[in-house]
Protein backbone atom coordinates (compact mmCIF):
# COMPACT_ATOMS: atom_id res chain seq x y z
CA MET A 1 -3.52 -16.60 -3.34
CA VAL A 2 -6.37 -17.12 -0.88
CA GLU A 3 -4.33 -15.87 2.06
CA ARG A 4 -3.25 -12.80 0.11
CA ARG A 5 -6.86 -12.00 -0.72
CA ILE A 6 -7.78 -12.29 2.96
CA GLU A 7 -4.90 -9.95 3.87
CA LEU A 8 -5.99 -7.42 1.28
CA ASP A 9 -9.62 -7.52 2.37
CA ARG A 10 -8.54 -7.00 5.98
CA ARG A 11 -6.41 -4.02 4.95
CA TYR A 12 -9.23 -2.41 2.94
CA THR A 13 -11.65 -2.85 5.82
CA ARG A 14 -9.14 -1.30 8.23
CA LYS A 15 -8.65 1.70 5.91
CA LYS A 16 -12.42 2.29 5.68
CA LYS A 17 -12.80 2.02 9.44
CA MET A 18 -9.88 4.40 10.08
CA LYS A 19 -11.36 6.94 7.68
CA LYS A 20 -14.70 6.85 9.52
CA LEU A 21 -13.05 7.14 12.93
CA LYS A 22 -10.86 10.06 11.82
CA GLU A 23 -13.89 11.93 10.47
CA LYS A 24 -15.73 11.46 13.77
CA LEU A 25 -12.62 12.50 15.71
CA GLU A 26 -12.59 15.95 14.06
CA THR A 27 -15.85 16.95 15.77
CA ALA A 28 -15.70 14.82 18.92
CA THR A 29 -15.00 16.26 22.36
CA GLY A 30 -14.52 14.94 25.87
CA GLU A 31 -15.20 11.31 26.62
CA ALA A 32 -16.32 10.51 23.06
CA ARG A 33 -12.97 11.79 21.78
CA GLU A 34 -11.04 9.58 24.20
CA LYS A 35 -13.08 6.56 23.11
CA LEU A 36 -12.37 7.27 19.44
CA LEU A 37 -8.65 7.70 20.13
CA TYR A 38 -8.65 4.36 21.93
CA LYS A 39 -10.29 2.65 18.95
CA ILE A 40 -7.86 4.24 16.50
CA LYS A 41 -4.85 3.25 18.58
CA ARG A 42 -6.17 -0.31 18.82
CA LEU A 43 -6.42 -0.50 15.03
CA SER A 44 -3.16 1.29 14.31
CA PRO A 45 -0.79 1.48 17.31
CA PHE A 46 1.78 3.76 15.66
CA TRP A 47 -0.75 6.35 14.46
CA THR A 48 -0.23 9.86 15.82
CA GLU A 49 -2.77 12.62 15.78
CA PRO A 50 -1.82 15.39 13.35
CA ALA A 51 -1.14 18.81 14.85
CA LYS A 52 -3.97 21.30 14.63
CA ASP A 53 -3.35 23.95 11.99
CA LYS A 54 -4.11 27.33 13.60
CA ALA A 55 -3.82 29.25 10.31
CA LYS A 56 -7.34 28.21 9.28
């Protein structure tokens, strides 16, 4: 059960971190944006950036 708890804690931490990075990514430009994308890809290699919705 201890290992499972560790896994779960790691997952929750990753989710929180991803949420923060995605929020920052929305407003970031240039070099800061590239740095954020690098961090996101390092956390979640299969993540793809959603397409921008031009209808807004």
